[in-house]
Protein backbone atom coordinates (compact mmCIF):
# COMPACT_ATOMS: atom_id res chain seq x y z
CA MET A 1 64.39 404.08 373.38
CA PRO A 2 62.04 401.80 371.42
CA SER A 3 58.29 402.00 372.03
CA TYR A 4 58.07 398.20 372.01
CA TYR A 5 60.17 395.05 372.41
CA ALA A 6 59.31 391.78 370.68
CA GLY A 7 60.95 388.40 370.42
CA TRP A 8 60.83 384.65 370.00
CA VAL A 9 62.32 382.79 372.97
CA LEU A 10 63.37 379.12 372.90
CA GLY A 11 62.63 376.70 375.74
CA THR A 12 66.29 376.92 376.79
CA SER A 13 65.82 380.72 377.32
CA SER A 14 67.92 381.53 374.25
CA VAL A 15 66.61 384.32 372.05
CA ARG A 16 65.80 383.11 368.53
CA PHE A 17 64.57 386.45 367.19
CA GLY A 18 64.57 389.91 368.74
CA ALA A 19 67.09 392.24 370.34
CA GLY A 20 67.46 394.76 373.12
CA PHE A 21 66.33 392.47 375.95
CA THR A 22 67.60 389.49 377.92
CA VAL A 23 65.87 386.28 379.01
CA ARG A 24 66.75 383.84 381.76
CA ARG A 25 65.15 380.84 383.43
CA ILE A 26 64.01 381.48 386.97
CA GLY A 27 64.45 378.26 388.84
CA VAL A 28 61.79 375.76 387.85
CA THR A 29 60.89 374.22 384.51
CA GLY A 30 58.69 376.44 382.36
CA SER A 31 59.46 379.73 384.15
CA TYR A 32 61.30 382.57 382.41
CA GLN A 33 62.13 386.20 383.10
CA ILE A 34 62.44 388.85 380.40
CA ALA A 35 64.43 391.97 381.31
CA LEU A 36 63.85 395.17 379.35
CA PRO A 37 66.40 397.99 379.75
CA ALA A 38 63.71 400.65 380.13
CA PRO A 39 64.43 402.77 383.20
CA GLY A 40 61.22 404.02 384.77
CA MET A 41 59.04 402.71 381.94
CA PHE A 42 56.12 400.29 382.16
CA HIS A 43 55.13 397.92 379.35
CA ALA A 44 51.88 396.06 378.57
CA THR A 45 53.02 392.55 377.64
CA MET A 46 51.40 389.72 375.65
CA VAL A 47 52.89 386.21 375.38
CA THR A 48 51.92 383.44 372.97
CA PRO A 49 53.23 379.85 373.04
CA SER A 50 54.75 378.38 369.88
CA SER A 51 53.71 374.79 370.66
CA PRO A 52 50.26 373.14 370.63
CA ASN A 53 48.51 372.06 373.83
CA VAL A 54 50.30 374.58 376.05
CA TYR A 55 49.49 378.08 377.19
CA ALA A 56 51.69 380.99 378.22
CA ARG A 57 50.92 383.68 380.74
CA VAL A 58 52.58 386.69 382.31
CA SER A 59 52.69 385.79 385.99
CA LEU A 60 54.33 389.05 387.14
CA ALA A 61 55.41 392.34 385.57
CA ARG A 62 57.31 394.95 387.58
CA ARG A 63 60.04 397.56 387.57
CA ASP A 64 63.16 396.66 389.54
CA ALA A 65 63.85 399.51 391.96
CA LEU A 66 67.60 398.81 392.05
CA THR A 67 68.39 398.45 388.34
CA GLY A 68 65.46 400.32 386.80
CA GLN A 69 64.81 397.43 384.41
CA PHE A 70 61.28 396.31 383.62
CA LEU A 71 61.00 392.58 384.49
CA ILE A 72 58.39 390.21 383.07
CA ASP A 73 57.93 386.70 384.50
CA VAL A 74 56.44 384.19 382.04
CA GLU A 75 55.07 380.70 382.71
CA ILE A 76 54.44 377.95 380.14
CA ARG A 77 51.93 375.26 381.20
CA THR A 78 50.26 372.23 379.62
CA VAL A 79 46.57 372.52 378.81
CA THR A 80 45.68 369.06 380.12
CA THR A 81 47.45 369.01 383.50
CA GLY A 82 48.42 372.65 384.11
CA LEU A 83 51.97 371.59 384.95
CA LEU A 84 54.91 373.81 384.05
CA ILE A 85 56.81 372.74 380.93
CA ASP A 86 59.71 374.19 378.95
CA GLY A 87 58.54 375.66 375.68
CA GLU A 88 59.08 378.31 373.06
CA PHE A 89 57.06 381.51 373.16
CA ASN A 90 56.69 384.83 371.40
CA PHE A 91 56.12 388.11 373.20
CA ILE A 92 55.51 391.77 372.57
CA ALA A 93 55.86 394.44 375.24
CA LEU A 94 54.33 397.80 374.32
CA LEU A 95 55.31 400.98 376.09
CA ARG A 96 52.38 402.28 378.10
CA SER A 97 51.52 405.95 377.95
């Protein structure tokens, strides 16, 4: 099992670079969920937007009790209004000790 996962995710939730994880949109514009196949493991996660005038944040990180996957919810928002917007982002999730 890798000690970290990293990737570049497009605004459509397609993975541009990276492997070993899945990404999906979770309902509204600008909201994404990254699923790491790491049973029982917790990861410290950092996200960075690829576009100017937006910011990305991890809104929730948790382990799914049913599947054992580690799930990371990401939001992309505009700097000026704070509204959710679709956008590309990079992330790295490091295995916590």
